[in-house]
Amino acid sequence: MKIKPIVQLLRPEQWAKNTFVFLPIFFSGQLLKLDLFLQCIVSFLAFSAAASSVYCFNDIYDVEVDRRHPKKCKRPIASKKVSIRTAYFIMLFFLSLSFLILMFLSNDQRYIIMTMIGAYCIMNVSYTLKLKHYPIIDVIIISFGFVLRVLVGGATIEILLSEWIIMMTFLIALFLAFAKRRDDVLLFEATGVKPRRNTHRYNIAFLNQAVTVTSSIVIVSYIMYTTSPSVFEQFQSKYVYVTAFFVLSGIIRYLQVTIVDLKGGNPTKVLLNDRFIQGCIVGWIVAFLIIIYT
């Protein structure tokens, strides 16, 4: 059997989402502590393996729907490059691998993290089987998946997360999820094919408002965060607000990609290919590196 279809089934490009695991160590100012950083890498790999097992299950369950989809029909199982039996084996292997990797964590948090990753898997299986068919609930579940990534990162280095990092993670993920649903509706209007069963419960007018509202809340919340007295005290700097320029620019660019270029259907692909957004992310990271670590 060819390796390429198996790699495509695992969707390693989606592992970029799991970098949210590193947010707690980054903002806590402990990024340069090698032992803690290595622990975060272990959690990242474990979460990535679990996420790949979930992608396998999703493709197995949705195989017939994917075969009628103009883009998803090229997925390994839908195109019959990988058999369903093989996909089940890969799914179970990577799920087992995820929990095996966690045994390399050096503290007792491994069991808490196992529980969180297990909750992520159960939540996503429920999403695939039923919950993705309910509008609004579907995007909330996607957003909570990102919150779990951050919680795993916090548990890995044993720190208490602030309400800001949890809320901002949820809001940004919600914004991206609504942008993706907008792309689904456009595809449905153009081809008559429903990317998902609940697509008819969304329309462009609603999603335009949802994307506008969530992006506005993200921007306002982030500005409030950067000007908060508790943040001044945490970072011992009055220049945290500078990072807001990168966030504002990145969100406006993503709105352009979604509404003008009609390419918001795959947030990971946008982030990996759009140079302007990449520049905003790099600028944001560098700004915080200077603020936190110098």
C-alpha atoms as a PDB file:
ATOM      1  CA  MET A   1       0.000   0.000   0.000  1.00  0.00           C
ATOM      2  CA  LYS A   2       1.228   3.509  -0.820  1.00  0.00           C
ATOM      3  CA  ILE A   3       2.260   5.703   2.089  1.00  0.00           C
ATOM      4  CA  LYS A   4       0.942   8.988   0.676  1.00  0.00           C
ATOM      5  CA  PRO A   5      -2.797   8.158   1.036  1.00  0.00           C
ATOM      6  CA  ILE A   6      -2.196   7.050   4.640  1.00  0.00           C
ATOM      7  CA  VAL A   7      -0.410  10.309   5.409  1.00  0.00           C
ATOM      8  CA  GLN A   8      -3.290  12.214   3.796  1.00  0.00           C
ATOM      9  CA  LEU A   9      -5.727  10.266   5.966  1.00  0.00           C
ATOM     10  CA  LEU A  10      -3.883  11.417   9.106  1.00  0.00           C
ATOM     11  CA  ARG A  11      -4.013  15.070   7.947  1.00  0.00           C
ATOM     12  CA  PRO A  12      -0.675  16.154   9.467  1.00  0.00           C
ATOM     13  CA  GLU A  13      -1.212  19.694   8.155  1.00  0.00           C
ATOM     14  CA  GLN A  14      -4.036  19.970  10.709  1.00  0.00           C
ATOM     15  CA  TRP A  15      -1.533  19.410  13.522  1.00  0.00           C
ATOM     16  CA  ALA A  16      -0.841  23.144  13.287  1.00  0.00           C
ATOM     17  CA  LYS A  17      -3.995  23.572  15.387  1.00  0.00           C
ATOM     18  CA  ASN A  18      -2.327  21.681  18.207  1.00  0.00           C
ATOM     19  CA  THR A  19       0.315  24.382  18.618  1.00  0.00           C
ATOM     20  CA  PHE A  20      -2.253  25.947  20.972  1.00  0.00           C
ATOM     21  CA  VAL A  21      -0.779  23.502  23.492  1.00  0.00           C
ATOM     22  CA  PHE A  22       2.284  25.776  23.635  1.00  0.00           C
ATOM     23  CA  LEU A  23       0.375  28.972  24.493  1.00  0.00           C
ATOM     24  CA  PRO A  24       0.463  28.503  28.293  1.00  0.00           C
ATOM     25  CA  ILE A  25       4.229  27.947  28.454  1.00  0.00           C
ATOM     26  CA  PHE A  26       4.795  30.864  26.076  1.00  0.00           C
ATOM     27  CA  PHE A  27       2.717  33.347  28.090  1.00  0.00           C
ATOM     28  CA  SER A  28       3.977  32.077  31.434  1.00  0.00           C
ATOM     29  CA  GLY A  29       7.515  33.144  30.504  1.00  0.00           C
ATOM     30  CA  GLN A  30       8.857  29.597  30.819  1.00  0.00           C
ATOM     31  CA  LEU A  31       9.437  28.861  27.148  1.00  0.00           C
ATOM     32  CA  LEU A  32      13.207  28.732  27.618  1.00  0.00           C
ATOM     33  CA  LYS A  33      12.999  26.073  30.324  1.00  0.00           C
ATOM     34  CA  LEU A  34      14.050  23.038  28.305  1.00  0.00           C
ATOM     35  CA  ASP A  35      12.496  20.415  30.577  1.00  0.00           C
ATOM     36  CA  LEU A  36       9.069  22.076  30.459  1.00  0.00           C
ATOM     37  CA  PHE A  37       9.321  22.729  26.722  1.00  0.00           C
ATOM     38  CA  LEU A  38      10.068  19.042  26.078  1.00  0.00           C
ATOM     39  CA  GLN A  39       7.030  18.102  28.172  1.00  0.00           C
ATOM     40  CA  CYS A  40       4.891  20.365  25.964  1.00  0.00           C
ATOM     41  CA  ILE A  41       6.279  18.651  22.866  1.00  0.00           C
ATOM     42  CA  VAL A  42       5.169  15.308  24.335  1.00  0.00           C
ATOM     43  CA  SER A  43       1.648  16.676  24.900  1.00  0.00           C
ATOM     44  CA  PHE A  44       1.634  18.165  21.399  1.00  0.00           C
ATOM     45  CA  LEU A  45       2.557  14.818  19.819  1.00  0.00           C
ATOM     46  CA  ALA A  46      -0.001  12.961  21.937  1.00  0.00           C
ATOM     47  CA  PHE A  47      -2.758  15.403  20.990  1.00  0.00           C
ATOM     48  CA  SER A  48      -1.755  15.215  17.322  1.00  0.00           C
ATOM     49  CA  ALA A  49      -1.921  11.407  17.328  1.00  0.00           C
ATOM     50  CA  ALA A  50      -5.360  11.516  18.969  1.00  0.00           C
ATOM     51  CA  ALA A  51      -6.557  14.140  16.476  1.00  0.00           C
ATOM     52  CA  SER A  52      -5.405  11.958  13.565  1.00  0.00           C
ATOM     53  CA  SER A  53      -7.368   9.005  14.957  1.00  0.00           C
ATOM     54  CA  VAL A  54     -10.442  11.259  15.076  1.00  0.00           C
ATOM     55  CA  TYR A  55      -9.878  12.309  11.445  1.00  0.00           C
ATOM     56  CA  CYS A  56      -9.753   8.624  10.500  1.00  0.00           C
ATOM     57  CA  PHE A  57     -13.078   7.964  12.209  1.00  0.00           C
ATOM     58  CA  ASN A  58     -14.633  11.009  10.571  1.00  0.00           C
ATOM     59  CA  ASP A  59     -13.571   9.880   7.095  1.00  0.00           C
ATOM     60  CA  ILE A  60     -14.793   6.332   7.747  1.00  0.00           C
ATOM     61  CA  TYR A  61     -18.204   7.477   8.942  1.00  0.00           C
ATOM     62  CA  ASP A  62     -18.679  10.126   6.241  1.00  0.00           C
ATOM     63  CA  VAL A  63     -17.319   8.096   3.335  1.00  0.00           C
ATOM     64  CA  GLU A  64     -20.568   8.014   1.330  1.00  0.00           C
ATOM     65  CA  VAL A  65     -21.235  11.730   1.823  1.00  0.00           C
ATOM     66  CA  ASP A  66     -17.632  12.561   0.936  1.00  0.00           C
ATOM     67  CA  ARG A  67     -17.926  10.667  -2.359  1.00  0.00           C
ATOM     68  CA  ARG A  68     -20.666  13.082  -3.447  1.00  0.00           C
ATOM     69  CA  HIS A  69     -18.647  16.144  -2.394  1.00  0.00           C
ATOM     70  CA  PRO A  70     -16.697  17.949  -5.183  1.00  0.00           C
ATOM     71  CA  LYS A  71     -13.554  18.259  -3.033  1.00  0.00           C
ATOM     72  CA  LYS A  72     -13.850  15.651  -0.280  1.00  0.00           C
ATOM     73  CA  CYS A  73     -14.319  12.887  -2.869  1.00  0.00           C
ATOM     74  CA  LYS A  74     -10.522  12.952  -3.245  1.00  0.00           C
ATOM     75  CA  ARG A  75      -9.963  11.910   0.369  1.00  0.00           C
ATOM     76  CA  PRO A  76      -8.167   8.550   0.732  1.00  0.00           C
ATOM     77  CA  ILE A  77     -11.146   6.483   1.907  1.00  0.00           C
ATOM     78  CA  ALA A  78     -13.702   8.172  -0.362  1.00  0.00           C
ATOM     79  CA  SER A  79     -11.424   7.617  -3.381  1.00  0.00           C
ATOM     80  CA  LYS A  80     -10.795   3.992  -2.247  1.00  0.00           C
ATOM     81  CA  LYS A  81      -7.053   4.511  -1.949  1.00  0.00           C
ATOM     82  CA  VAL A  82      -7.341   3.319   1.660  1.00  0.00           C
ATOM     83  CA  SER A  83      -9.800   0.586   2.635  1.00  0.00           C
ATOM     84  CA  ILE A  84     -12.189   1.061   5.548  1.00  0.00           C
ATOM     85  CA  ARG A  85     -10.634  -1.925   7.311  1.00  0.00           C
ATOM     86  CA  THR A  86      -7.173  -0.382   7.048  1.00  0.00           C
ATOM     87  CA  ALA A  87      -8.534   2.958   8.212  1.00  0.00           C
ATOM     88  CA  TYR A  88      -9.966   1.347  11.355  1.00  0.00           C
ATOM     89  CA  PHE A  89      -6.584  -0.211  12.114  1.00  0.00           C
ATOM     90  CA  ILE A  90      -4.820   3.147  11.642  1.00  0.00           C
ATOM     91  CA  MET A  91      -7.411   4.876  13.823  1.00  0.00           C
ATOM     92  CA  LEU A  92      -6.942   2.447  16.727  1.00  0.00           C
ATOM     93  CA  PHE A  93      -3.160   2.487  16.329  1.00  0.00           C
ATOM     94  CA  PHE A  94      -2.901   6.269  16.589  1.00  0.00           C
ATOM     95  CA  LEU A  95      -5.373   6.431  19.458  1.00  0.00           C
ATOM     96  CA  SER A  96      -3.242   3.891  21.369  1.00  0.00           C
ATOM     97  CA  LEU A  97      -0.090   5.747  20.351  1.00  0.00           C
ATOM     98  CA  SER A  98      -1.486   8.967  21.804  1.00  0.00           C
ATOM     99  CA  PHE A  99      -1.885   7.495  25.286  1.00  0.00           C
ATOM    100  CA  LEU A 100       1.436   5.674  25.018  1.00  0.00           C
ATOM    101  CA  ILE A 101       3.223   8.955  24.229  1.00  0.00           C
ATOM    102  CA  LEU A 102       1.726  10.536  27.356  1.00  0.00           C
ATOM    103  CA  MET A 103       3.567   7.990  29.492  1.00  0.00           C
ATOM    104  CA  PHE A 104       6.728   9.969  28.699  1.00  0.00           C
ATOM    105  CA  LEU A 105       5.436  12.891  30.763  1.00  0.00           C
ATOM    106  CA  SER A 106       7.470  13.149  33.941  1.00  0.00           C
ATOM    107  CA  ASN A 107       4.724  14.377  36.270  1.00  0.00           C
ATOM    108  CA  ASP A 108       1.414  13.037  37.539  1.00  0.00           C
ATOM    109  CA  GLN A 109      -0.455  15.381  35.208  1.00  0.00           C
ATOM    110  CA  ARG A 110      -0.316  12.660  32.554  1.00  0.00           C
ATOM    111  CA  TYR A 111      -3.565  11.182  33.871  1.00  0.00           C
ATOM    112  CA  ILE A 112      -5.349  14.525  33.818  1.00  0.00           C
ATOM    113  CA  ILE A 113      -4.092  15.101  30.271  1.00  0.00           C
ATOM    114  CA  MET A 114      -5.215  11.597  29.281  1.00  0.00           C
ATOM    115  CA  THR A 115      -8.677  12.501  30.557  1.00  0.00           C
ATOM    116  CA  MET A 116      -8.691  15.749  28.563  1.00  0.00           C
ATOM    117  CA  ILE A 117      -7.553  14.065  25.359  1.00  0.00           C
ATOM    118  CA  GLY A 118     -10.086  11.299  25.967  1.00  0.00           C
ATOM    119  CA  ALA A 119     -12.775  13.966  26.375  1.00  0.00           C
ATOM    120  CA  TYR A 120     -11.616  15.551  23.109  1.00  0.00           C
ATOM    121  CA  CYS A 121     -11.950  12.207  21.306  1.00  0.00           C
ATOM    122  CA  ILE A 122     -15.399  11.481  22.786  1.00  0.00           C
ATOM    123  CA  MET A 123     -16.583  14.996  21.964  1.00  0.00           C
ATOM    124  CA  ASN A 124     -15.410  14.700  18.351  1.00  0.00           C
ATOM    125  CA  VAL A 125     -16.865  11.223  17.870  1.00  0.00           C
ATOM    126  CA  SER A 126     -20.181  12.596  19.173  1.00  0.00           C
ATOM    127  CA  TYR A 127     -19.747  15.519  16.808  1.00  0.00           C
ATOM    128  CA  THR A 128     -19.247  13.192  13.826  1.00  0.00           C
ATOM    129  CA  LEU A 129     -22.141  10.896  14.762  1.00  0.00           C
ATOM    130  CA  LYS A 130     -24.756  13.485  15.687  1.00  0.00           C
ATOM    131  CA  LEU A 131     -23.829  16.908  17.021  1.00  0.00           C
ATOM    132  CA  LYS A 132     -22.422  18.330  13.780  1.00  0.00           C
ATOM    133  CA  HIS A 133     -25.949  18.282  12.390  1.00  0.00           C
ATOM    134  CA  TYR A 134     -27.102  20.911  14.895  1.00  0.00           C
ATOM    135  CA  PRO A 135     -26.297  24.490  13.831  1.00  0.00           C
ATOM    136  CA  ILE A 136     -24.517  26.705  16.367  1.00  0.00           C
ATOM    137  CA  ILE A 137     -23.753  23.648  18.527  1.00  0.00           C
ATOM    138  CA  ASP A 138     -21.383  22.431  15.800  1.00  0.00           C
ATOM    139  CA  VAL A 139     -19.225  25.578  15.829  1.00  0.00           C
ATOM    140  CA  ILE A 140     -19.245  25.726  19.639  1.00  0.00           C
ATOM    141  CA  ILE A 141     -17.867  22.176  19.802  1.00  0.00           C
ATOM    142  CA  ILE A 142     -15.109  23.055  17.334  1.00  0.00           C
ATOM    143  CA  SER A 143     -14.210  26.095  19.430  1.00  0.00           C
ATOM    144  CA  PHE A 144     -14.194  24.113  22.673  1.00  0.00           C
ATOM    145  CA  GLY A 145     -11.753  21.706  21.031  1.00  0.00           C
ATOM    146  CA  PHE A 146      -9.229  24.557  20.875  1.00  0.00           C
ATOM    147  CA  VAL A 147      -9.896  25.407  24.512  1.00  0.00           C
ATOM    148  CA  LEU A 148      -9.061  21.798  25.403  1.00  0.00           C
ATOM    149  CA  ARG A 149      -5.737  22.160  23.611  1.00  0.00           C
ATOM    150  CA  VAL A 150      -4.886  25.162  25.772  1.00  0.00           C
ATOM    151  CA  LEU A 151      -6.043  23.356  28.916  1.00  0.00           C
ATOM    152  CA  VAL A 152      -3.758  20.437  28.029  1.00  0.00           C
ATOM    153  CA  GLY A 153      -0.869  22.891  27.676  1.00  0.00           C
ATOM    154  CA  GLY A 154      -1.639  24.401  31.066  1.00  0.00           C
ATOM    155  CA  ALA A 155      -1.877  20.988  32.729  1.00  0.00           C
ATOM    156  CA  THR A 156       1.436  19.941  31.154  1.00  0.00           C
ATOM    157  CA  ILE A 157       3.397  22.659  32.953  1.00  0.00           C
ATOM    158  CA  GLU A 158       1.043  22.694  35.956  1.00  0.00           C
ATOM    159  CA  ILE A 159      -0.076  26.324  35.869  1.00  0.00           C
ATOM    160  CA  LEU A 160      -3.468  27.926  36.411  1.00  0.00           C
ATOM    161  CA  LEU A 161      -4.665  29.536  33.192  1.00  0.00           C
ATOM    162  CA  SER A 162      -6.092  33.042  33.141  1.00  0.00           C
ATOM    163  CA  GLU A 163      -9.634  33.679  31.970  1.00  0.00           C
ATOM    164  CA  TRP A 164      -8.205  35.802  29.148  1.00  0.00           C
ATOM    165  CA  ILE A 165      -6.336  33.016  27.373  1.00  0.00           C
ATOM    166  CA  ILE A 166      -9.331  30.681  27.594  1.00  0.00           C
ATOM    167  CA  MET A 167     -11.866  33.224  26.335  1.00  0.00           C
ATOM    168  CA  MET A 168      -9.633  34.554  23.545  1.00  0.00           C
ATOM    169  CA  THR A 169      -8.936  31.018  22.338  1.00  0.00           C
ATOM    170  CA  PHE A 170     -12.659  30.231  22.258  1.00  0.00           C
ATOM    171  CA  LEU A 171     -13.576  33.473  20.473  1.00  0.00           C
ATOM    172  CA  ILE A 172     -10.898  33.189  17.780  1.00  0.00           C
ATOM    173  CA  ALA A 173     -11.858  29.563  17.103  1.00  0.00           C
ATOM    174  CA  LEU A 174     -15.537  30.560  16.919  1.00  0.00           C
ATOM    175  CA  PHE A 175     -14.708  33.266  14.383  1.00  0.00           C
ATOM    176  CA  LEU A 176     -12.783  30.795  12.200  1.00  0.00           C
ATOM    177  CA  ALA A 177     -15.570  28.196  12.477  1.00  0.00           C
ATOM    178  CA  PHE A 178     -18.240  30.645  11.294  1.00  0.00           C
ATOM    179  CA  ALA A 179     -15.978  31.674   8.394  1.00  0.00           C
ATOM    180  CA  LYS A 180     -15.687  28.013   7.427  1.00  0.00           C
ATOM    181  CA  ARG A 181     -19.466  27.546   7.560  1.00  0.00           C
ATOM    182  CA  ARG A 182     -19.798  30.531   5.231  1.00  0.00           C
ATOM    183  CA  ASP A 183     -17.643  28.713   2.688  1.00  0.00           C
ATOM    184  CA  ASP A 184     -19.892  25.637   3.044  1.00  0.00           C
ATOM    185  CA  VAL A 185     -22.986  27.698   2.232  1.00  0.00           C
ATOM    186  CA  LEU A 186     -21.328  29.233  -0.825  1.00  0.00           C
ATOM    187  CA  LEU A 187     -20.409  25.752  -2.044  1.00  0.00           C
ATOM    188  CA  PHE A 188     -23.998  24.574  -1.498  1.00  0.00           C
ATOM    189  CA  GLU A 189     -25.393  27.542  -3.433  1.00  0.00           C
ATOM    190  CA  ALA A 190     -22.959  26.958  -6.306  1.00  0.00           C
ATOM    191  CA  THR A 191     -23.242  23.169  -6.655  1.00  0.00           C
ATOM    192  CA  GLY A 192     -26.409  22.141  -4.831  1.00  0.00           C
ATOM    193  CA  VAL A 193     -24.326  19.697  -2.776  1.00  0.00           C
ATOM    194  CA  LYS A 194     -24.578  20.011   1.008  1.00  0.00           C
ATOM    195  CA  PRO A 195     -21.108  19.745   2.585  1.00  0.00           C
ATOM    196  CA  ARG A 196     -22.920  18.829   5.807  1.00  0.00           C
ATOM    197  CA  ARG A 197     -26.508  18.056   6.710  1.00  0.00           C
ATOM    198  CA  ASN A 198     -27.140  21.283   8.617  1.00  0.00           C
ATOM    199  CA  THR A 199     -25.931  23.591   5.826  1.00  0.00           C
ATOM    200  CA  HIS A 200     -29.517  24.636   5.031  1.00  0.00           C
ATOM    201  CA  ARG A 201     -29.824  26.003   8.586  1.00  0.00           C
ATOM    202  CA  TYR A 202     -27.197  28.627   7.729  1.00  0.00           C
ATOM    203  CA  ASN A 203     -27.308  31.302   5.065  1.00  0.00           C
ATOM    204  CA  ILE A 204     -24.971  34.032   3.858  1.00  0.00           C
ATOM    205  CA  ALA A 205     -26.870  36.870   5.565  1.00  0.00           C
ATOM    206  CA  PHE A 206     -26.704  35.144   8.965  1.00  0.00           C
ATOM    207  CA  LEU A 207     -23.083  34.052   8.575  1.00  0.00           C
ATOM    208  CA  ASN A 208     -21.963  37.501   7.419  1.00  0.00           C
ATOM    209  CA  GLN A 209     -23.409  38.894  10.639  1.00  0.00           C
ATOM    210  CA  ALA A 210     -21.972  36.053  12.734  1.00  0.00           C
ATOM    211  CA  VAL A 211     -18.494  36.534  11.252  1.00  0.00           C
ATOM    212  CA  THR A 212     -18.725  40.317  11.717  1.00  0.00           C
ATOM    213  CA  VAL A 213     -19.948  40.055  15.314  1.00  0.00           C
ATOM    214  CA  THR A 214     -17.396  37.435  16.390  1.00  0.00           C
ATOM    215  CA  SER A 215     -14.495  39.239  14.713  1.00  0.00           C
ATOM    216  CA  SER A 216     -15.558  42.493  16.379  1.00  0.00           C
ATOM    217  CA  ILE A 217     -15.768  40.791  19.792  1.00  0.00           C
ATOM    218  CA  VAL A 218     -12.324  39.260  19.286  1.00  0.00           C
ATOM    219  CA  ILE A 219     -10.802  42.652  18.449  1.00  0.00           C
ATOM    220  CA  VAL A 220     -12.502  44.508  21.316  1.00  0.00           C
ATOM    221  CA  SER A 221     -11.727  41.722  23.813  1.00  0.00           C
ATOM    222  CA  TYR A 222      -8.096  41.629  22.744  1.00  0.00           C
ATOM    223  CA  ILE A 223      -7.717  45.385  23.111  1.00  0.00           C
ATOM    224  CA  MET A 224      -9.290  45.137  26.576  1.00  0.00           C
ATOM    225  CA  TYR A 225      -6.814  42.360  27.377  1.00  0.00           C
ATOM    226  CA  THR A 226      -3.775  44.344  26.272  1.00  0.00           C
ATOM    227  CA  THR A 227      -4.848  47.398  28.291  1.00  0.00           C
ATOM    228  CA  SER A 228      -5.846  45.479  31.412  1.00  0.00           C
ATOM    229  CA  PRO A 229      -3.989  46.470  34.632  1.00  0.00           C
ATOM    230  CA  SER A 230      -3.568  42.772  35.495  1.00  0.00           C
ATOM    231  CA  VAL A 231      -1.750  42.243  32.180  1.00  0.00           C
ATOM    232  CA  PHE A 232       0.511  45.231  32.880  1.00  0.00           C
ATOM    233  CA  GLU A 233       1.371  43.624  36.199  1.00  0.00           C
ATOM    234  CA  GLN A 234       1.849  40.147  34.715  1.00  0.00           C
ATOM    235  CA  PHE A 235       4.280  41.199  31.982  1.00  0.00           C
ATOM    236  CA  GLN A 236       5.739  44.245  33.731  1.00  0.00           C
ATOM    237  CA  SER A 237       5.264  46.205  30.515  1.00  0.00           C
ATOM    238  CA  LYS A 238       2.944  48.924  29.256  1.00  0.00           C
ATOM    239  CA  TYR A 239       3.606  48.014  25.632  1.00  0.00           C
ATOM    240  CA  VAL A 240       1.433  44.891  25.383  1.00  0.00           C
ATOM    241  CA  TYR A 241      -1.073  46.974  23.423  1.00  0.00           C
ATOM    242  CA  VAL A 242       1.390  46.993  20.487  1.00  0.00           C
ATOM    243  CA  THR A 243       0.502  43.349  19.791  1.00  0.00           C
ATOM    244  CA  ALA A 244      -3.092  44.435  19.068  1.00  0.00           C
ATOM    245  CA  PHE A 245      -1.966  45.939  15.751  1.00  0.00           C
ATOM    246  CA  PHE A 246      -0.931  42.489  14.513  1.00  0.00           C
ATOM    247  CA  VAL A 247      -4.173  40.877  15.710  1.00  0.00           C
ATOM    248  CA  LEU A 248      -6.317  43.587  14.096  1.00  0.00           C
ATOM    249  CA  SER A 249      -4.400  43.351  10.802  1.00  0.00           C
ATOM    250  CA  GLY A 250      -4.563  39.544  10.759  1.00  0.00           C
ATOM    251  CA  ILE A 251      -8.309  39.417  11.384  1.00  0.00           C
ATOM    252  CA  ILE A 252      -9.065  42.045   8.735  1.00  0.00           C
ATOM    253  CA  ARG A 253      -6.936  40.098   6.264  1.00  0.00           C
ATOM    254  CA  TYR A 254      -8.758  36.879   7.136  1.00  0.00           C
ATOM    255  CA  LEU A 255     -12.078  38.636   6.552  1.00  0.00           C
ATOM    256  CA  GLN A 256     -10.792  39.672   3.114  1.00  0.00           C
ATOM    257  CA  VAL A 257      -9.735  36.096   2.341  1.00  0.00           C
ATOM    258  CA  THR A 258     -13.151  34.810   3.466  1.00  0.00           C
ATOM    259  CA  ILE A 259     -15.474  37.407   1.947  1.00  0.00           C
ATOM    260  CA  VAL A 260     -13.570  38.694  -1.100  1.00  0.00           C
ATOM    261  CA  ASP A 261     -11.388  35.743  -2.096  1.00  0.00           C
ATOM    262  CA  LEU A 262     -13.933  33.105  -0.934  1.00  0.00           C
ATOM    263  CA  LYS A 263     -11.174  30.928   0.532  1.00  0.00           C
ATOM    264  CA  GLY A 264     -12.212  30.638   4.178  1.00  0.00           C
ATOM    265  CA  GLY A 265     -13.228  26.980   3.960  1.00  0.00           C
ATOM    266  CA  ASN A 266      -9.939  25.640   5.285  1.00  0.00           C
ATOM    267  CA  PRO A 267      -8.518  27.897   8.043  1.00  0.00           C
ATOM    268  CA  THR A 268      -5.379  25.770   8.415  1.00  0.00           C
ATOM    269  CA  LYS A 269      -4.633  26.024   4.690  1.00  0.00           C
ATOM    270  CA  VAL A 270      -5.144  29.794   4.786  1.00  0.00           C
ATOM    271  CA  LEU A 271      -2.776  30.185   7.730  1.00  0.00           C
ATOM    272  CA  LEU A 272      -0.147  27.981   6.092  1.00  0.00           C
ATOM    273  CA  ASN A 273      -0.265  29.770   2.729  1.00  0.00           C
ATOM    274  CA  ASP A 274      -1.201  33.420   3.250  1.00  0.00           C
ATOM    275  CA  ARG A 275       1.988  35.458   3.613  1.00  0.00           C
ATOM    276  CA  PHE A 276       0.245  38.505   5.077  1.00  0.00           C
ATOM    277  CA  ILE A 277      -1.389  36.501   7.872  1.00  0.00           C
ATOM    278  CA  GLN A 278       1.862  34.641   8.480  1.00  0.00           C
ATOM    279  CA  GLY A 279       3.608  38.004   8.805  1.00  0.00           C
ATOM    280  CA  CYS A 280       1.019  39.119  11.369  1.00  0.00           C
ATOM    281  CA  ILE A 281       1.494  35.926  13.373  1.00  0.00           C
ATOM    282  CA  VAL A 282       5.288  36.229  13.290  1.00  0.00           C
ATOM    283  CA  GLY A 283       5.067  39.902  14.279  1.00  0.00           C
ATOM    284  CA  TRP A 284       2.722  39.051  17.158  1.00  0.00           C
ATOM    285  CA  ILE A 285       5.048  36.292  18.405  1.00  0.00           C
ATOM    286  CA  VAL A 286       8.167  38.470  18.131  1.00  0.00           C
ATOM    287  CA  ALA A 287       6.446  41.334  19.961  1.00  0.00           C
ATOM    288  CA  PHE A 288       5.504  39.066  22.855  1.00  0.00           C
ATOM    289  CA  LEU A 289       8.969  37.490  22.882  1.00  0.00           C
ATOM    290  CA  ILE A 290      10.449  40.954  23.377  1.00  0.00           C
ATOM    291  CA  ILE A 291       7.869  41.903  26.011  1.00  0.00           C
ATOM    292  CA  ILE A 292       8.055  38.665  28.014  1.00  0.00           C
ATOM    293  CA  TYR A 293      11.633  37.506  27.594  1.00  0.00           C
ATOM    294  CA  THR A 294      13.728  40.692  27.513  1.00  0.00           C
END
